[in-house]
Amino acid sequence: MKKHLTIFGKHVPIVRTKDLLKTHEAFAMFHRDKFFIEIDSSLTGNIYYQTICHEIIHAVVQRCGIYQAGLSHELEEVLAEQISVAIVENFKLK
């Protein structure tokens, strides 16, 4: 599993955190302020890839200026979730 990504030339660390789901009620989080992805260390397989894709979409939204243009958080979440599901479904990431 990757320890970092590059989004439009910007380094994005991936930090695996124990019990993130229990402490924050989330599989993962993209931290806009420090530009890194935090993901629960227990995730594997399809749920890991779907979750990391979801967070990559948040990073792309931030990096390309869509977030700054006023995209609502609710719409961003819907797009991130549906696009990540479609990617994992069609590319059979495991």
PDB file of N, CA and C in Angstrom:
ATOM      1  N   MET A   1       0.833  -1.176   0.000  1.00  0.00           N
ATOM      2  CA  MET A   1       0.000   0.000   0.000  1.00  0.00           C
ATOM      3  C   MET A   1       0.880   1.242   0.000  1.00  0.00           C
ATOM      4  N   LYS A   2       0.458   2.209  -0.785  1.00  0.00           N
ATOM      5  CA  LYS A   2       1.273   3.416  -0.963  1.00  0.00           C
ATOM      6  C   LYS A   2       1.364   4.231   0.322  1.00  0.00           C
ATOM      7  N   LYS A   3       2.495   4.920   0.464  1.00  0.00           N
ATOM      8  CA  LYS A   3       2.702   5.779   1.617  1.00  0.00           C
ATOM      9  C   LYS A   3       2.554   7.249   1.249  1.00  0.00           C
ATOM     10  N   HIS A   4       2.475   7.511  -0.052  1.00  0.00           N
ATOM     11  CA  HIS A   4       2.225   8.877  -0.502  1.00  0.00           C
ATOM     12  C   HIS A   4       1.718   8.861  -1.939  1.00  0.00           C
ATOM     13  N   LEU A   5       1.128   9.969  -2.333  1.00  0.00           N
ATOM     14  CA  LEU A   5       0.640  10.170  -3.694  1.00  0.00           C
ATOM     15  C   LEU A   5       1.168  11.502  -4.193  1.00  0.00           C
ATOM     16  N   THR A   6       0.994  11.747  -5.467  1.00  0.00           N
ATOM     17  CA  THR A   6       1.264  13.056  -6.034  1.00  0.00           C
ATOM     18  C   THR A   6      -0.017  13.516  -6.725  1.00  0.00           C
ATOM     19  N   ILE A   7      -0.520  14.662  -6.330  1.00  0.00           N
ATOM     20  CA  ILE A   7      -1.727  15.232  -6.912  1.00  0.00           C
ATOM     21  C   ILE A   7      -1.343  16.556  -7.563  1.00  0.00           C
ATOM     22  N   PHE A   8      -1.318  16.561  -8.899  1.00  0.00           N
ATOM     23  CA  PHE A   8      -0.942  17.753  -9.666  1.00  0.00           C
ATOM     24  C   PHE A   8       0.372  18.345  -9.148  1.00  0.00           C
ATOM     25  N   GLY A   9       1.361  17.481  -8.957  1.00  0.00           N
ATOM     26  CA  GLY A   9       2.691  17.919  -8.555  1.00  0.00           C
ATOM     27  C   GLY A   9       2.887  18.120  -7.060  1.00  0.00           C
ATOM     28  N   LYS A  10       1.850  17.981  -6.275  1.00  0.00           N
ATOM     29  CA  LYS A  10       1.953  18.181  -4.816  1.00  0.00           C
ATOM     30  C   LYS A  10       2.037  16.835  -4.108  1.00  0.00           C
ATOM     31  N   HIS A  11       3.021  16.693  -3.245  1.00  0.00           N
ATOM     32  CA  HIS A  11       3.222  15.480  -2.441  1.00  0.00           C
ATOM     33  C   HIS A  11       2.105  15.374  -1.403  1.00  0.00           C
ATOM     34  N   VAL A  12       1.457  14.193  -1.354  1.00  0.00           N
ATOM     35  CA  VAL A  12       0.369  13.951  -0.407  1.00  0.00           C
ATOM     36  C   VAL A  12       0.680  12.687   0.389  1.00  0.00           C
ATOM     37  N   PRO A  13       1.176  12.816   1.622  1.00  0.00           N
ATOM     38  CA  PRO A  13       1.432  11.639   2.445  1.00  0.00           C
ATOM     39  C   PRO A  13       0.137  10.906   2.795  1.00  0.00           C
ATOM     40  N   ILE A  14       0.251   9.585   2.950  1.00  0.00           N
ATOM     41  CA  ILE A  14      -0.858   8.760   3.431  1.00  0.00           C
ATOM     42  C   ILE A  14      -0.429   8.209   4.783  1.00  0.00           C
ATOM     43  N   VAL A  15      -1.185   8.559   5.801  1.00  0.00           N
ATOM     44  CA  VAL A  15      -0.882   8.134   7.166  1.00  0.00           C
ATOM     45  C   VAL A  15      -1.934   7.111   7.576  1.00  0.00           C
ATOM     46  N   ARG A  16      -1.482   5.917   7.935  1.00  0.00           N
ATOM     47  CA  ARG A  16      -2.403   4.872   8.408  1.00  0.00           C
ATOM     48  C   ARG A  16      -2.483   4.996   9.928  1.00  0.00           C
ATOM     49  N   THR A  17      -3.718   5.138  10.428  1.00  0.00           N
ATOM     50  CA  THR A  17      -3.962   5.396  11.844  1.00  0.00           C
ATOM     51  C   THR A  17      -4.840   4.299  12.429  1.00  0.00           C
ATOM     52  N   LYS A  18      -4.419   3.778  13.567  1.00  0.00           N
ATOM     53  CA  LYS A  18      -5.199   2.747  14.252  1.00  0.00           C
ATOM     54  C   LYS A  18      -6.447   3.386  14.863  1.00  0.00           C
ATOM     55  N   ASP A  19      -7.586   2.701  14.705  1.00  0.00           N
ATOM     56  CA  ASP A  19      -8.856   3.084  15.326  1.00  0.00           C
ATOM     57  C   ASP A  19      -9.407   4.434  14.871  1.00  0.00           C
ATOM     58  N   LEU A  20      -9.068   4.868  13.677  1.00  0.00           N
ATOM     59  CA  LEU A  20      -9.622   6.123  13.158  1.00  0.00           C
ATOM     60  C   LEU A  20     -11.145   6.043  13.080  1.00  0.00           C
ATOM     61  N   LEU A  21     -11.647   4.894  12.669  1.00  0.00           N
ATOM     62  CA  LEU A  21     -13.099   4.706  12.569  1.00  0.00           C
ATOM     63  C   LEU A  21     -13.771   4.888  13.931  1.00  0.00           C
ATOM     64  N   LYS A  22     -13.145   4.387  14.973  1.00  0.00           N
ATOM     65  CA  LYS A  22     -13.719   4.506  16.323  1.00  0.00           C
ATOM     66  C   LYS A  22     -13.626   5.931  16.861  1.00  0.00           C
ATOM     67  N   THR A  23     -12.495   6.591  16.623  1.00  0.00           N
ATOM     68  CA  THR A  23     -12.289   7.916  17.211  1.00  0.00           C
ATOM     69  C   THR A  23     -12.916   9.050  16.418  1.00  0.00           C
ATOM     70  N   HIS A  24     -13.024   8.895  15.100  1.00  0.00           N
ATOM     71  CA  HIS A  24     -13.558   9.977  14.267  1.00  0.00           C
ATOM     72  C   HIS A  24     -14.776   9.565  13.440  1.00  0.00           C
ATOM     73  N   GLU A  25     -15.219   8.325  13.612  1.00  0.00           N
ATOM     74  CA  GLU A  25     -16.360   7.804  12.858  1.00  0.00           C
ATOM     75  C   GLU A  25     -16.188   8.006  11.357  1.00  0.00           C
ATOM     76  N   ALA A  26     -14.974   7.752  10.883  1.00  0.00           N
ATOM     77  CA  ALA A  26     -14.677   7.876   9.451  1.00  0.00           C
ATOM     78  C   ALA A  26     -13.622   6.839   9.083  1.00  0.00           C
ATOM     79  N   PHE A  27     -13.743   6.290   7.872  1.00  0.00           N
ATOM     80  CA  PHE A  27     -12.716   5.377   7.384  1.00  0.00           C
ATOM     81  C   PHE A  27     -11.426   6.131   7.088  1.00  0.00           C
ATOM     82  N   ALA A  28     -11.575   7.385   6.657  1.00  0.00           N
ATOM     83  CA  ALA A  28     -10.411   8.189   6.300  1.00  0.00           C
ATOM     84  C   ALA A  28     -10.799   9.658   6.287  1.00  0.00           C
ATOM     85  N   MET A  29      -9.777  10.515   6.240  1.00  0.00           N
ATOM     86  CA  MET A  29      -9.996  11.957   6.168  1.00  0.00           C
ATOM     87  C   MET A  29      -8.889  12.580   5.326  1.00  0.00           C
ATOM     88  N   PHE A  30      -9.275  13.545   4.519  1.00  0.00           N
ATOM     89  CA  PHE A  30      -8.286  14.371   3.827  1.00  0.00           C
ATOM     90  C   PHE A  30      -8.151  15.654   4.624  1.00  0.00           C
ATOM     91  N   HIS A  31      -6.948  15.938   5.086  1.00  0.00           N
ATOM     92  CA  HIS A  31      -6.690  17.130   5.887  1.00  0.00           C
ATOM     93  C   HIS A  31      -6.263  18.253   4.945  1.00  0.00           C
ATOM     94  N   ARG A  32      -7.203  19.135   4.635  1.00  0.00           N
ATOM     95  CA  ARG A  32      -6.932  20.227   3.692  1.00  0.00           C
ATOM     96  C   ARG A  32      -5.844  21.164   4.189  1.00  0.00           C
ATOM     97  N   ASP A  33      -5.814  21.423   5.491  1.00  0.00           N
ATOM     98  CA  ASP A  33      -4.877  22.388   6.047  1.00  0.00           C
ATOM     99  C   ASP A  33      -3.429  21.929   5.948  1.00  0.00           C
ATOM    100  N   LYS A  34      -3.180  20.623   6.110  1.00  0.00           N
ATOM    101  CA  LYS A  34      -1.814  20.092   6.059  1.00  0.00           C
ATOM    102  C   LYS A  34      -1.572  19.212   4.838  1.00  0.00           C
ATOM    103  N   PHE A  35      -2.583  19.048   4.019  1.00  0.00           N
ATOM    104  CA  PHE A  35      -2.535  18.323   2.757  1.00  0.00           C
ATOM    105  C   PHE A  35      -1.990  16.902   2.909  1.00  0.00           C
ATOM    106  N   PHE A  36      -2.703  16.089   3.699  1.00  0.00           N
ATOM    107  CA  PHE A  36      -2.375  14.671   3.797  1.00  0.00           C
ATOM    108  C   PHE A  36      -3.654  13.876   3.992  1.00  0.00           C
ATOM    109  N   ILE A  37      -3.564  12.585   3.682  1.00  0.00           N
ATOM    110  CA  ILE A  37      -4.685  11.667   3.843  1.00  0.00           C
ATOM    111  C   ILE A  37      -4.398  10.785   5.043  1.00  0.00           C
ATOM    112  N   GLU A  38      -5.389  10.674   5.923  1.00  0.00           N
ATOM    113  CA  GLU A  38      -5.300   9.778   7.071  1.00  0.00           C
ATOM    114  C   GLU A  38      -6.335   8.681   6.849  1.00  0.00           C
ATOM    115  N   ILE A  39      -5.919   7.424   6.977  1.00  0.00           N
ATOM    116  CA  ILE A  39      -6.814   6.298   6.700  1.00  0.00           C
ATOM    117  C   ILE A  39      -6.692   5.260   7.808  1.00  0.00           C
ATOM    118  N   ASP A  40      -7.804   4.657   8.160  1.00  0.00           N
ATOM    119  CA  ASP A  40      -7.803   3.646   9.219  1.00  0.00           C
ATOM    120  C   ASP A  40      -6.926   2.466   8.806  1.00  0.00           C
ATOM    121  N   SER A  41      -6.045   2.062   9.675  1.00  0.00           N
ATOM    122  CA  SER A  41      -5.073   1.005   9.365  1.00  0.00           C
ATOM    123  C   SER A  41      -5.694  -0.370   9.195  1.00  0.00           C
ATOM    124  N   SER A  42      -6.942  -0.539   9.612  1.00  0.00           N
ATOM    125  CA  SER A  42      -7.581  -1.853   9.489  1.00  0.00           C
ATOM    126  C   SER A  42      -8.156  -2.107   8.086  1.00  0.00           C
ATOM    127  N   LEU A  43      -8.243  -1.083   7.258  1.00  0.00           N
ATOM    128  CA  LEU A  43      -8.865  -1.244   5.940  1.00  0.00           C
ATOM    129  C   LEU A  43      -7.973  -2.031   4.981  1.00  0.00           C
ATOM    130  N   THR A  44      -8.597  -2.930   4.228  1.00  0.00           N
ATOM    131  CA  THR A  44      -7.886  -3.718   3.224  1.00  0.00           C
ATOM    132  C   THR A  44      -8.811  -3.919   2.016  1.00  0.00           C
ATOM    133  N   GLY A  45      -8.261  -4.439   0.948  1.00  0.00           N
ATOM    134  CA  GLY A  45      -9.049  -4.829  -0.218  1.00  0.00           C
ATOM    135  C   GLY A  45      -9.862  -3.698  -0.811  1.00  0.00           C
ATOM    136  N   ASN A  46     -11.052  -4.057  -1.296  1.00  0.00           N
ATOM    137  CA  ASN A  46     -11.905  -3.088  -1.989  1.00  0.00           C
ATOM    138  C   ASN A  46     -12.245  -1.869  -1.146  1.00  0.00           C
ATOM    139  N   ILE A  47     -12.516  -2.081   0.142  1.00  0.00           N
ATOM    140  CA  ILE A  47     -12.888  -0.941   0.987  1.00  0.00           C
ATOM    141  C   ILE A  47     -11.703   0.016   1.142  1.00  0.00           C
ATOM    142  N   TYR A  48     -10.464  -0.516   1.184  1.00  0.00           N
ATOM    143  CA  TYR A  48      -9.283   0.358   1.232  1.00  0.00           C
ATOM    144  C   TYR A  48      -9.206   1.182  -0.048  1.00  0.00           C
ATOM    145  N   TYR A  49      -9.317   0.527  -1.199  1.00  0.00           N
ATOM    146  CA  TYR A  49      -9.177   1.238  -2.469  1.00  0.00           C
ATOM    147  C   TYR A  49     -10.317   2.218  -2.702  1.00  0.00           C
ATOM    148  N   GLN A  50     -11.519   1.848  -2.343  1.00  0.00           N
ATOM    149  CA  GLN A  50     -12.640   2.775  -2.487  1.00  0.00           C
ATOM    150  C   GLN A  50     -12.429   3.997  -1.605  1.00  0.00           C
ATOM    151  N   THR A  51     -11.958   3.767  -0.392  1.00  0.00           N
ATOM    152  CA  THR A  51     -11.731   4.869   0.549  1.00  0.00           C
ATOM    153  C   THR A  51     -10.591   5.761   0.092  1.00  0.00           C
ATOM    154  N   ILE A  52      -9.499   5.185  -0.376  1.00  0.00           N
ATOM    155  CA  ILE A  52      -8.369   6.004  -0.814  1.00  0.00           C
ATOM    156  C   ILE A  52      -8.753   6.795  -2.064  1.00  0.00           C
ATOM    157  N   CYS A  53      -9.529   6.195  -2.963  1.00  0.00           N
ATOM    158  CA  CYS A  53     -10.025   6.925  -4.140  1.00  0.00           C
ATOM    159  C   CYS A  53     -10.899   8.102  -3.708  1.00  0.00           C
ATOM    160  N   HIS A  54     -11.761   7.867  -2.734  1.00  0.00           N
ATOM    161  CA  HIS A  54     -12.628   8.920  -2.201  1.00  0.00           C
ATOM    162  C   HIS A  54     -11.785  10.099  -1.703  1.00  0.00           C
ATOM    163  N   GLU A  55     -10.742   9.800  -0.953  1.00  0.00           N
ATOM    164  CA  GLU A  55      -9.896  10.864  -0.399  1.00  0.00           C
ATOM    165  C   GLU A  55      -9.047  11.536  -1.483  1.00  0.00           C
ATOM    166  N   ILE A  56      -8.633  10.788  -2.495  1.00  0.00           N
ATOM    167  CA  ILE A  56      -7.907  11.383  -3.622  1.00  0.00           C
ATOM    168  C   ILE A  56      -8.794  12.422  -4.309  1.00  0.00           C
ATOM    169  N   ILE A  57     -10.075  12.113  -4.443  1.00  0.00           N
ATOM    170  CA  ILE A  57     -10.991  13.063  -5.073  1.00  0.00           C
ATOM    171  C   ILE A  57     -11.062  14.346  -4.251  1.00  0.00           C
ATOM    172  N   HIS A  58     -11.093  14.240  -2.927  1.00  0.00           N
ATOM    173  CA  HIS A  58     -11.060  15.446  -2.087  1.00  0.00           C
ATOM    174  C   HIS A  58      -9.769  16.241  -2.341  1.00  0.00           C
ATOM    175  N   ALA A  59      -8.650  15.542  -2.461  1.00  0.00           N
ATOM    176  CA  ALA A  59      -7.375  16.223  -2.719  1.00  0.00           C
ATOM    177  C   ALA A  59      -7.381  16.917  -4.082  1.00  0.00           C
ATOM    178  N   VAL A  60      -7.953  16.268  -5.089  1.00  0.00           N
ATOM    179  CA  VAL A  60      -8.039  16.863  -6.421  1.00  0.00           C
ATOM    180  C   VAL A  60      -8.920  18.113  -6.379  1.00  0.00           C
ATOM    181  N   VAL A  61     -10.061  18.026  -5.703  1.00  0.00           N
ATOM    182  CA  VAL A  61     -10.970  19.166  -5.573  1.00  0.00           C
ATOM    183  C   VAL A  61     -10.237  20.352  -4.944  1.00  0.00           C
ATOM    184  N   GLN A  62      -9.461  20.096  -3.919  1.00  0.00           N
ATOM    185  CA  GLN A  62      -8.689  21.148  -3.253  1.00  0.00           C
ATOM    186  C   GLN A  62      -7.596  21.689  -4.168  1.00  0.00           C
ATOM    187  N   ARG A  63      -6.841  20.789  -4.766  1.00  0.00           N
ATOM    188  CA  ARG A  63      -5.659  21.177  -5.545  1.00  0.00           C
ATOM    189  C   ARG A  63      -6.015  21.952  -6.812  1.00  0.00           C
ATOM    190  N   CYS A  64      -7.125  21.608  -7.461  1.00  0.00           N
ATOM    191  CA  CYS A  64      -7.442  22.274  -8.729  1.00  0.00           C
ATOM    192  C   CYS A  64      -8.335  23.497  -8.550  1.00  0.00           C
ATOM    193  N   GLY A  65      -8.691  23.843  -7.326  1.00  0.00           N
ATOM    194  CA  GLY A  65      -9.411  25.079  -7.065  1.00  0.00           C
ATOM    195  C   GLY A  65     -10.920  24.972  -7.018  1.00  0.00           C
ATOM    196  N   ILE A  66     -11.468  23.781  -7.181  1.00  0.00           N
ATOM    197  CA  ILE A  66     -12.925  23.621  -7.150  1.00  0.00           C
ATOM    198  C   ILE A  66     -13.465  23.935  -5.753  1.00  0.00           C
ATOM    199  N   TYR A  67     -12.763  23.499  -4.722  1.00  0.00           N
ATOM    200  CA  TYR A  67     -13.196  23.779  -3.352  1.00  0.00           C
ATOM    201  C   TYR A  67     -13.249  25.287  -3.107  1.00  0.00           C
ATOM    202  N   GLN A  68     -12.218  25.989  -3.562  1.00  0.00           N
ATOM    203  CA  GLN A  68     -12.145  27.432  -3.368  1.00  0.00           C
ATOM    204  C   GLN A  68     -13.215  28.168  -4.176  1.00  0.00           C
ATOM    205  N   ALA A  69     -13.724  27.532  -5.226  1.00  0.00           N
ATOM    206  CA  ALA A  69     -14.764  28.138  -6.062  1.00  0.00           C
ATOM    207  C   ALA A  69     -16.151  28.027  -5.449  1.00  0.00           C
ATOM    208  N   GLY A  70     -16.273  27.311  -4.333  1.00  0.00           N
ATOM    209  CA  GLY A  70     -17.535  27.287  -3.618  1.00  0.00           C
ATOM    210  C   GLY A  70     -18.342  26.000  -3.712  1.00  0.00           C
ATOM    211  N   LEU A  71     -17.735  24.914  -4.136  1.00  0.00           N
ATOM    212  CA  LEU A  71     -18.441  23.634  -4.159  1.00  0.00           C
ATOM    213  C   LEU A  71     -18.869  23.289  -2.736  1.00  0.00           C
ATOM    214  N   SER A  72     -20.124  22.951  -2.544  1.00  0.00           N
ATOM    215  CA  SER A  72     -20.593  22.625  -1.191  1.00  0.00           C
ATOM    216  C   SER A  72     -19.976  21.321  -0.713  1.00  0.00           C
ATOM    217  N   HIS A  73     -19.834  21.210   0.590  1.00  0.00           N
ATOM    218  CA  HIS A  73     -19.277  19.992   1.185  1.00  0.00           C
ATOM    219  C   HIS A  73     -20.152  18.789   0.860  1.00  0.00           C
ATOM    220  N   GLU A  74     -21.460  18.981   0.908  1.00  0.00           N
ATOM    221  CA  GLU A  74     -22.392  17.880   0.642  1.00  0.00           C
ATOM    222  C   GLU A  74     -22.234  17.350  -0.779  1.00  0.00           C
ATOM    223  N   LEU A  75     -22.157  18.243  -1.761  1.00  0.00           N
ATOM    224  CA  LEU A  75     -21.992  17.826  -3.149  1.00  0.00           C
ATOM    225  C   LEU A  75     -20.623  17.177  -3.365  1.00  0.00           C
ATOM    226  N   GLU A  76     -19.596  17.722  -2.735  1.00  0.00           N
ATOM    227  CA  GLU A  76     -18.261  17.122  -2.835  1.00  0.00           C
ATOM    228  C   GLU A  76     -18.274  15.688  -2.305  1.00  0.00           C
ATOM    229  N   GLU A  77     -18.959  15.451  -1.179  1.00  0.00           N
ATOM    230  CA  GLU A  77     -19.042  14.102  -0.610  1.00  0.00           C
ATOM    231  C   GLU A  77     -19.761  13.138  -1.548  1.00  0.00           C
ATOM    232  N   VAL A  78     -20.866  13.585  -2.142  1.00  0.00           N
ATOM    233  CA  VAL A  78     -21.608  12.733  -3.074  1.00  0.00           C
ATOM    234  C   VAL A  78     -20.738  12.379  -4.269  1.00  0.00           C
ATOM    235  N   LEU A  79     -20.077  13.361  -4.850  1.00  0.00           N
ATOM    236  CA  LEU A  79     -19.199  13.103  -6.000  1.00  0.00           C
ATOM    237  C   LEU A  79     -18.050  12.165  -5.627  1.00  0.00           C
ATOM    238  N   ALA A  80     -17.402  12.423  -4.506  1.00  0.00           N
ATOM    239  CA  ALA A  80     -16.268  11.592  -4.084  1.00  0.00           C
ATOM    240  C   ALA A  80     -16.703  10.150  -3.874  1.00  0.00           C
ATOM    241  N   GLU A  81     -17.852   9.956  -3.247  1.00  0.00           N
ATOM    242  CA  GLU A  81     -18.315   8.594  -2.970  1.00  0.00           C
ATOM    243  C   GLU A  81     -18.690   7.862  -4.253  1.00  0.00           C
ATOM    244  N   GLN A  82     -19.454   8.495  -5.110  1.00  0.00           N
ATOM    245  CA  GLN A  82     -19.929   7.818  -6.313  1.00  0.00           C
ATOM    246  C   GLN A  82     -18.796   7.553  -7.308  1.00  0.00           C
ATOM    247  N   ILE A  83     -17.883   8.494  -7.468  1.00  0.00           N
ATOM    248  CA  ILE A  83     -16.753   8.294  -8.378  1.00  0.00           C
ATOM    249  C   ILE A  83     -15.843   7.192  -7.851  1.00  0.00           C
ATOM    250  N   SER A  84     -15.587   7.173  -6.553  1.00  0.00           N
ATOM    251  CA  SER A  84     -14.704   6.141  -5.994  1.00  0.00           C
ATOM    252  C   SER A  84     -15.313   4.751  -6.148  1.00  0.00           C
ATOM    253  N   VAL A  85     -16.611   4.620  -5.963  1.00  0.00           N
ATOM    254  CA  VAL A  85     -17.285   3.332  -6.157  1.00  0.00           C
ATOM    255  C   VAL A  85     -17.164   2.902  -7.618  1.00  0.00           C
ATOM    256  N   ALA A  86     -17.398   3.818  -8.547  1.00  0.00           N
ATOM    257  CA  ALA A  86     -17.324   3.494  -9.974  1.00  0.00           C
ATOM    258  C   ALA A  86     -15.919   3.046 -10.376  1.00  0.00           C
ATOM    259  N   ILE A  87     -14.895   3.681  -9.839  1.00  0.00           N
ATOM    260  CA  ILE A  87     -13.513   3.299 -10.155  1.00  0.00           C
ATOM    261  C   ILE A  87     -13.225   1.887  -9.662  1.00  0.00           C
ATOM    262  N   VAL A  88     -13.545   1.606  -8.405  1.00  0.00           N
ATOM    263  CA  VAL A  88     -13.264   0.285  -7.843  1.00  0.00           C
ATOM    264  C   VAL A  88     -14.070  -0.795  -8.547  1.00  0.00           C
ATOM    265  N   GLU A  89     -15.320  -0.516  -8.871  1.00  0.00           N
ATOM    266  CA  GLU A  89     -16.173  -1.477  -9.581  1.00  0.00           C
ATOM    267  C   GLU A  89     -15.614  -1.855 -10.952  1.00  0.00           C
ATOM    268  N   ASN A  90     -15.117  -0.855 -11.652  1.00  0.00           N
ATOM    269  CA  ASN A  90     -14.708  -1.064 -13.039  1.00  0.00           C
ATOM    270  C   ASN A  90     -13.266  -1.476 -13.220  1.00  0.00           C
ATOM    271  N   PHE A  91     -12.412  -1.195 -12.270  1.00  0.00           N
ATOM    272  CA  PHE A  91     -11.005  -1.560 -12.412  1.00  0.00           C
ATOM    273  C   PHE A  91     -10.611  -2.696 -11.500  1.00  0.00           C
ATOM    274  N   LYS A  92     -11.547  -3.231 -10.745  1.00  0.00           N
ATOM    275  CA  LYS A  92     -11.333  -4.401  -9.887  1.00  0.00           C
ATOM    276  C   LYS A  92     -10.039  -4.291  -9.065  1.00  0.00           C
ATOM    277  N   LEU A  93      -9.902  -3.174  -8.374  1.00  0.00           N
ATOM    278  CA  LEU A  93      -8.751  -2.972  -7.499  1.00  0.00           C
ATOM    279  C   LEU A  93      -8.880  -3.881  -6.287  1.00  0.00           C
ATOM    280  N   LYS A  94      -7.794  -4.512  -5.894  1.00  0.00           N
ATOM    281  CA  LYS A  94      -7.823  -5.428  -4.743  1.00  0.00           C
ATOM    282  C   LYS A  94      -6.593  -5.248  -3.909  1.00  0.00           C
TER     283      LYS A  94
END
